[in-house]
Amino acid sequence: MTLRERHKTILDLLRDSGSVDVGSLSQRLKVSAVTIRKDLDQLEEKKLLYRTHGGAILADPYIATRKVSEKEKLHPEVKRRIGQRAVELLAAQDALIIASGTTVQAFARCIPNMKMTVITSAMNVAMELLDKPDIEIIQLGGIIRHSSASVVSEYAVRMLENFTCSKLFLGVDGIDPTYGLSTTHLQEACLNRAMIQAATKTVVLADSSKFGRRGFSKICDMSDIDLVITDSRVSPKMLEAMNEQGVKVAVVPYPEE
């Protein structure tokens, strides 16, 4: 097998499973571990993968903060489909918490006008619900993050201590079966934890690009959530890992399928 053929095989395996390790590649490609490490280093130099201890993953797992205006342009149809699937979980007279993020904003856009109460930290979520008169909106207070159009602070956490809600719809920056759920902002992670405590059920809305990624601040472990709604590009390895931890997953078709 030539160098080019090895590199192609490595990248194909990465796309299928999300990660590879040196030992398995060495056996599969019938070359030494030293050769595989050199291959991985070369592919990382070309920015085609990200080296980890003992192997590699498809992309840099560490996430930088991006403005909400930039995030809105990423996977809009996938987010709409995830939002439509999440609406199926709603019932009349529900009391919801909707966190921040463009995927939960897409969900808010899909919610029909119906009798319910929504508590939210996100200004863009509240704006999506303004023209639905049967929905009572409670806007959490605090310092507004310009990058996410949402509030954070101890004031918002204290407000949540006075409420108990049926469901939380949570957007995240990263989902890693080992590390858990994460975001790029420390105070937002604290507020998200308070939201989880105030809700009976936690539903995470995240497209497949969020899997295998890690933000600066951990929100919670996988065991702290009840359901993830994502799209069909999520890797089988990720689905298996969540299933092993008792997390239910609902998958919507990716637009190209």
Protein backbone atom coordinates (compact mmCIF):
# COMPACT_ATOMS: atom_id res chain seq x y z
CA MET A 1 0.00 0.00 0.00
CA THR A 2 1.40 3.37 -1.01
CA LEU A 3 1.65 6.42 1.25
CA ARG A 4 -1.27 8.07 -0.54
CA GLU A 5 -3.39 4.93 -0.18
CA ARG A 6 -2.60 4.73 3.55
CA HIS A 7 -3.55 8.35 4.07
CA LYS A 8 -6.82 7.89 2.18
CA THR A 9 -7.66 4.78 4.24
CA ILE A 10 -6.91 6.60 7.49
CA LEU A 11 -9.15 9.55 6.54
CA ASP A 12 -11.95 7.22 5.39
CA LEU A 13 -11.84 5.39 8.73
CA LEU A 14 -11.88 8.72 10.57
CA ARG A 15 -14.97 9.89 8.69
CA ASP A 16 -16.73 6.61 9.48
CA SER A 17 -15.90 6.34 13.18
CA GLY A 18 -14.79 9.81 14.29
CA SER A 19 -11.49 8.56 15.74
CA VAL A 20 -8.64 6.13 15.09
CA ASP A 21 -5.84 4.68 17.22
CA VAL A 22 -2.28 3.81 16.29
CA GLY A 23 -2.48 0.14 17.31
CA SER A 24 -5.57 -0.67 15.23
CA LEU A 25 -4.23 1.21 12.20
CA SER A 26 -0.89 -0.57 12.46
CA GLN A 27 -2.61 -3.97 12.36
CA ARG A 28 -5.07 -3.04 9.65
CA LEU A 29 -2.53 -1.41 7.31
CA LYS A 30 0.25 -3.90 8.14
CA VAL A 31 2.88 -1.28 8.90
CA SER A 32 4.71 -0.36 12.10
CA ALA A 33 3.32 1.94 14.78
CA VAL A 34 6.17 4.36 14.00
CA THR A 35 4.99 4.61 10.38
CA ILE A 36 1.39 5.24 11.48
CA ARG A 37 2.49 8.02 13.83
CA LYS A 38 4.39 9.67 10.97
CA ASP A 39 1.30 9.34 8.76
CA LEU A 40 -0.87 10.98 11.40
CA ASP A 41 1.63 13.77 11.93
CA GLN A 42 1.73 14.47 8.20
CA LEU A 43 -2.07 14.55 7.96
CA GLU A 44 -2.24 16.89 10.95
CA GLU A 45 0.23 19.25 9.26
CA LYS A 46 -2.22 19.37 6.33
CA LYS A 47 -5.02 20.13 8.84
CA LEU A 48 -6.91 16.97 7.83
CA LEU A 49 -7.07 15.57 11.36
CA TYR A 50 -6.19 16.37 14.98
CA ARG A 51 -3.66 14.24 16.85
CA THR A 52 -4.61 12.84 20.23
CA HIS A 53 -2.73 10.63 22.68
CA GLY A 54 -2.41 7.30 20.90
CA GLY A 55 -4.38 8.25 17.81
CA ALA A 56 -6.31 10.97 16.04
CA ILE A 57 -9.75 12.52 15.60
CA LEU A 58 -11.25 14.26 12.62
CA ALA A 59 -11.17 17.84 13.93
CA ASP A 60 -9.72 19.95 16.71
CA PRO A 61 -12.02 19.14 19.66
CA TYR A 62 -11.55 22.50 21.36
CA ILE A 63 -14.04 25.17 20.42
CA ALA A 64 -13.50 28.90 20.18
CA THR A 65 -16.30 31.37 20.89
CA ARG A 66 -18.18 32.50 17.79
CA LYS A 67 -20.77 35.23 17.38
CA VAL A 68 -24.41 34.20 17.14
CA SER A 69 -24.61 35.89 13.73
CA GLU A 70 -21.92 33.47 12.47
CA LYS A 71 -23.51 30.41 14.07
CA GLU A 72 -26.89 31.16 12.48
CA LYS A 73 -25.37 30.51 9.05
CA LEU A 74 -24.19 27.00 10.00
CA HIS A 75 -26.50 24.07 9.15
CA PRO A 76 -29.78 26.09 9.19
CA GLU A 77 -31.92 23.33 7.64
CA VAL A 78 -30.56 20.72 10.06
CA LYS A 79 -31.38 23.01 12.98
CA ARG A 80 -34.90 23.54 11.64
CA ARG A 81 -35.48 19.78 11.43
CA ILE A 82 -34.14 19.28 14.95
CA GLY A 83 -36.48 22.05 16.14
CA GLN A 84 -39.49 20.46 14.45
CA ARG A 85 -38.68 17.12 16.10
CA ALA A 86 -38.39 18.83 19.50
CA VAL A 87 -41.83 20.44 19.09
CA GLU A 88 -43.32 16.92 19.15
CA LEU A 89 -42.35 16.72 22.84
CA LEU A 90 -44.49 19.70 23.82
CA ALA A 91 -47.85 19.54 25.59
CA ALA A 92 -50.43 22.18 26.48
CA GLN A 93 -49.70 24.02 29.74
CA ASP A 94 -46.04 23.03 29.63
CA ALA A 95 -43.56 25.13 31.59
CA LEU A 96 -40.31 25.17 29.64
CA ILE A 97 -36.81 26.48 30.01
CA ILE A 98 -35.11 27.29 26.72
CA ALA A 99 -31.40 28.03 26.94
CA SER A 100 -29.27 29.93 24.43
CA GLY A 101 -27.91 29.00 21.02
CA THR A 102 -28.98 29.01 17.40
CA THR A 103 -30.36 25.46 17.48
CA VAL A 104 -32.73 26.25 20.35
CA GLN A 105 -33.60 29.50 18.55
CA ALA A 106 -34.63 27.39 15.54
CA PHE A 107 -36.73 25.28 17.93
CA ALA A 108 -38.42 28.39 19.35
CA ARG A 109 -39.27 29.47 15.80
CA CYS A 110 -41.04 26.12 15.26
CA ILE A 111 -43.19 26.30 18.42
CA PRO A 112 -46.86 26.95 17.58
CA ASN A 113 -48.95 29.43 19.50
CA MET A 114 -50.19 27.37 22.46
CA LYS A 115 -50.84 27.78 26.17
CA MET A 116 -47.49 27.43 27.92
CA THR A 117 -44.84 29.28 29.87
CA VAL A 118 -41.29 29.70 28.61
CA ILE A 119 -38.35 30.83 30.72
CA THR A 120 -35.32 31.79 28.68
CA SER A 121 -31.91 33.38 29.01
CA ALA A 122 -31.72 34.14 25.29
CA MET A 123 -32.99 37.37 23.82
CA ASN A 124 -33.28 35.88 20.33
CA VAL A 125 -35.42 33.04 21.69
CA ALA A 126 -37.75 35.53 23.39
CA MET A 127 -38.03 37.50 20.16
CA GLU A 128 -39.04 34.35 18.24
CA LEU A 129 -41.95 33.86 20.68
CA LEU A 130 -43.19 37.46 20.85
CA ASP A 131 -45.83 37.05 18.14
CA LYS A 132 -47.36 34.01 19.90
CA PRO A 133 -49.75 35.61 22.43
CA ASP A 134 -50.67 32.39 24.27
CA ILE A 135 -47.07 31.82 25.32
CA GLU A 136 -46.08 33.56 28.53
CA ILE A 137 -42.41 34.55 28.36
CA ILE A 138 -40.18 35.02 31.39
CA GLN A 139 -36.86 36.61 30.45
CA LEU A 140 -34.01 35.88 32.84
CA GLY A 141 -31.99 38.92 33.85
CA GLY A 142 -28.29 39.55 34.02
CA ILE A 143 -25.31 40.59 31.95
CA ILE A 144 -25.88 40.18 28.21
CA ARG A 145 -23.24 38.24 26.29
CA HIS A 146 -22.88 39.96 22.94
CA SER A 147 -21.58 36.82 21.25
CA SER A 148 -24.63 34.72 22.17
CA ALA A 149 -27.40 37.34 22.68
CA SER A 150 -28.09 35.73 26.05
CA VAL A 151 -27.79 36.70 29.70
CA VAL A 152 -25.47 35.21 32.31
CA SER A 153 -24.83 36.02 35.97
CA GLU A 154 -25.79 35.09 39.49
CA TYR A 155 -29.06 37.05 39.06
CA ALA A 156 -30.27 34.59 36.43
CA VAL A 157 -29.26 31.63 38.59
CA ARG A 158 -31.17 33.03 41.57
CA MET A 159 -34.29 33.58 39.46
CA LEU A 160 -34.29 29.91 38.49
CA GLU A 161 -34.37 28.91 42.16
CA ASN A 162 -38.00 30.08 42.21
CA PHE A 163 -39.18 27.87 39.33
CA THR A 164 -39.75 24.20 38.55
CA CYS A 165 -40.30 23.35 34.90
CA SER A 166 -41.29 20.24 33.00
CA LYS A 167 -38.60 20.38 30.30
CA LEU A 168 -35.33 22.12 29.52
CA PHE A 169 -34.24 22.49 25.90
CA LEU A 170 -30.50 23.00 25.97
CA GLY A 171 -28.06 24.00 23.25
CA VAL A 172 -24.37 23.18 23.72
CA ASP A 173 -21.04 23.86 22.05
CA GLY A 174 -19.68 20.35 22.55
CA ILE A 175 -20.79 16.80 23.30
CA ASP A 176 -18.17 14.25 24.25
CA PRO A 177 -19.25 10.92 25.80
CA THR A 178 -16.24 11.00 28.14
CA TYR A 179 -16.09 14.71 29.00
CA GLY A 180 -19.83 15.40 28.86
CA LEU A 181 -21.60 18.56 27.68
CA SER A 182 -19.71 21.82 27.44
CA THR A 183 -19.82 25.45 26.38
CA THR A 184 -17.18 28.10 25.71
CA HIS A 185 -18.21 30.39 28.60
CA LEU A 186 -17.77 29.74 32.33
CA GLN A 187 -20.83 31.68 33.55
CA GLU A 188 -23.05 30.19 30.89
CA ALA A 189 -22.05 26.71 32.05
CA CYS A 190 -23.06 27.67 35.61
CA LEU A 191 -26.42 28.96 34.38
CA ASN A 192 -26.99 25.81 32.33
CA ARG A 193 -26.39 23.67 35.42
CA ALA A 194 -28.98 25.70 37.31
CA MET A 195 -31.41 25.15 34.42
CA ILE A 196 -30.87 21.40 34.64
CA GLN A 197 -31.63 21.51 38.36
CA ALA A 198 -34.86 23.45 37.71
CA ALA A 199 -36.19 21.05 35.05
CA THR A 200 -37.71 17.59 35.34
CA LYS A 201 -36.37 16.51 31.95
CA THR A 202 -33.38 17.80 29.96
CA VAL A 203 -33.41 17.64 26.16
CA VAL A 204 -30.24 18.57 24.27
CA LEU A 205 -30.62 19.95 20.75
CA ALA A 206 -27.36 19.65 18.80
CA ASP A 207 -26.39 18.97 15.22
CA SER A 208 -23.80 16.28 14.51
CA SER A 209 -20.93 18.78 14.19
CA LYS A 210 -21.04 19.27 17.99
CA PHE A 211 -20.07 15.66 18.75
CA GLY A 212 -16.52 14.90 19.81
CA ARG A 213 -15.98 18.59 20.60
CA ARG A 214 -15.14 20.26 23.91
CA GLY A 215 -15.78 23.80 25.08
CA PHE A 216 -13.78 25.53 27.80
CA SER A 217 -16.43 24.98 30.51
CA LYS A 218 -18.10 21.70 31.34
CA ILE A 219 -21.85 21.84 31.91
CA CYS A 220 -22.61 18.32 33.09
CA ASP A 221 -22.05 14.61 32.52
CA MET A 222 -23.98 12.66 29.89
CA SER A 223 -25.87 10.90 32.70
CA ASP A 224 -27.48 14.22 33.68
CA ILE A 225 -29.51 14.47 30.47
CA ASP A 226 -32.50 12.50 29.19
CA LEU A 227 -32.63 12.93 25.43
CA VAL A 228 -30.45 14.21 22.58
CA ILE A 229 -31.97 15.27 19.28
CA THR A 230 -29.43 15.37 16.46
CA ASP A 231 -29.06 14.55 12.77
CA SER A 232 -28.12 11.38 10.89
CA ARG A 233 -24.50 12.40 10.32
CA VAL A 234 -23.68 11.58 13.94
CA SER A 235 -21.24 8.67 13.99
CA PRO A 236 -22.37 5.17 15.05
CA LYS A 237 -19.58 5.24 17.64
CA MET A 238 -21.12 8.29 19.31
CA LEU A 239 -24.59 6.74 19.26
CA GLU A 240 -23.23 3.57 20.85
CA ALA A 241 -21.43 5.54 23.56
CA MET A 242 -24.59 7.47 24.47
CA ASN A 243 -26.66 4.31 24.49
CA GLU A 244 -24.18 2.70 26.90
CA GLN A 245 -24.69 5.66 29.26
CA GLY A 246 -28.48 5.39 29.11
CA VAL A 247 -29.04 8.53 27.03
CA LYS A 248 -31.87 8.32 24.51
CA VAL A 249 -31.20 9.75 21.06
CA ALA A 250 -33.64 10.92 18.38
CA VAL A 251 -32.14 11.30 14.91
CA VAL A 252 -33.57 13.47 12.14
CA PRO A 253 -32.49 12.92 8.50
CA TYR A 254 -29.71 15.12 7.20
CA PRO A 255 -31.06 17.35 4.36
CA GLU A 256 -29.08 15.59 1.64
CA GLU A 257 -30.60 12.21 2.50
